[in-house]
Amino acid sequence: MLRGHWYIACRSPQIGRGPVARTVLGEPLVIFRGQDGKAAALIDRCAHRNLALSRGKVTADGLRCAYHGWSWGSDGHCTKIPSACEPDACQAIRVKSYPVKEHQGFIWVWMGEEKEVPTHEPLHFPWLGEAGWRHFVMERVFEANAFHCVENFLDVPHTAHVHRGLFRGEESKEIEIEVTSGEDWIEGEFLGEERMDSWIGKLLVPEGSRIRHVDRFQLPYVTRVDYRMSETRQYVVMSQCTPETEDRTRVFTYLGFRFEPFGGLIRLVFQPFAGAILNQDVEVLRQQTEDLRRTGAPRFLYHETDAIARGIRELLDGKSLAGRPPERKRLRV
């Protein structure tokens, strides 16, 4: 699990009057809004008797523990000990706090070393809120390692088996992929791709369209899939994977689309379809994790048809892919 990055802890509407418990990179967090309305994140553990602060409530004094009423400010400092006779008794006591940014309807937490200053901004989801574009967000918890999630989201061959009937039809064709990469990213562009032989392909892609399809991975655990048929017909699917533990990942998937003039109608079909696809991936990755626990640590074999999976693994292992020449691969989809 990679530190020194921003991760989505929750969506903005999920923190209202009460705090929300989340786990990020194995650390239990409590996410809440102070009296000023700004989001904050603390370790979800009261320093006094270690009750989870997410069981408490937000008051004028800060986040108040449900056990003895100790209160904590957004910066992690104790602001009140109700049973103390000396009001200054709490000043030197604190719990760990985390840098937080609220951006595009998400609460992002910087998971660096303590007191480490964030070195970059959170991920930006393209076209969110722009004229002509619509979007929706899906959230799922995968019982799977974050690497297995991102690999799955950018793995075309599995769609013919796990998603047959929804995403892929009966026909299969050879296609060429051009793989390019950089210091912290790798992508594959599918050259000369035709529309999918399925009902969703026929709905979204007009016959004769020239499709530009690009699958991209970037650190820490972000995937992006772009389909562009024309200026007014295109969509993007981006998933930000937040590792909770080694075998559990919370995934926030943004799907932005432009299908003029039928955007509202398309959404009625697109959203439940995308949810069904995601649920199938939740299940197959749960099965993979179950089988890995039974058979032992992963001993994966990387094949040319895996396209960019080996590159993803190298990036997560700390290797830079900058300077690599473009590579062509072929596979049947």
Foldseek 3Di string as FASTA:
>chain_A
DDALAKAFFWFQVVADFAWDWGFFAQFIWIWYAAPVRDIWIFGQFDPPHTHGLSVFGHDNQARFRPPQGFHAHRQFFTQARPVDPDNCPRGVDGTAIFDWDHDLRTIMTHGHPGPDDRPDDHDDDPPRPPPQKDKDKDKDKAQAALLVVLLVVQADVCCCPLVEQQQADDDKDKWKWKWDFWFFKIKIWTPQDAFHPHPVSCVQAPPPFRWTWMWMAGPPRKIKIKIDRDPQRIKMKMWGWGDRYRRMIMIMIMIMTGHPPCVVVVCVVVVVSVVVSVVSVSVVNNVVVVVCVVVHHDPDDDDLSSPCSVVSVCSNVPGTPRPDDMDMTMDMD
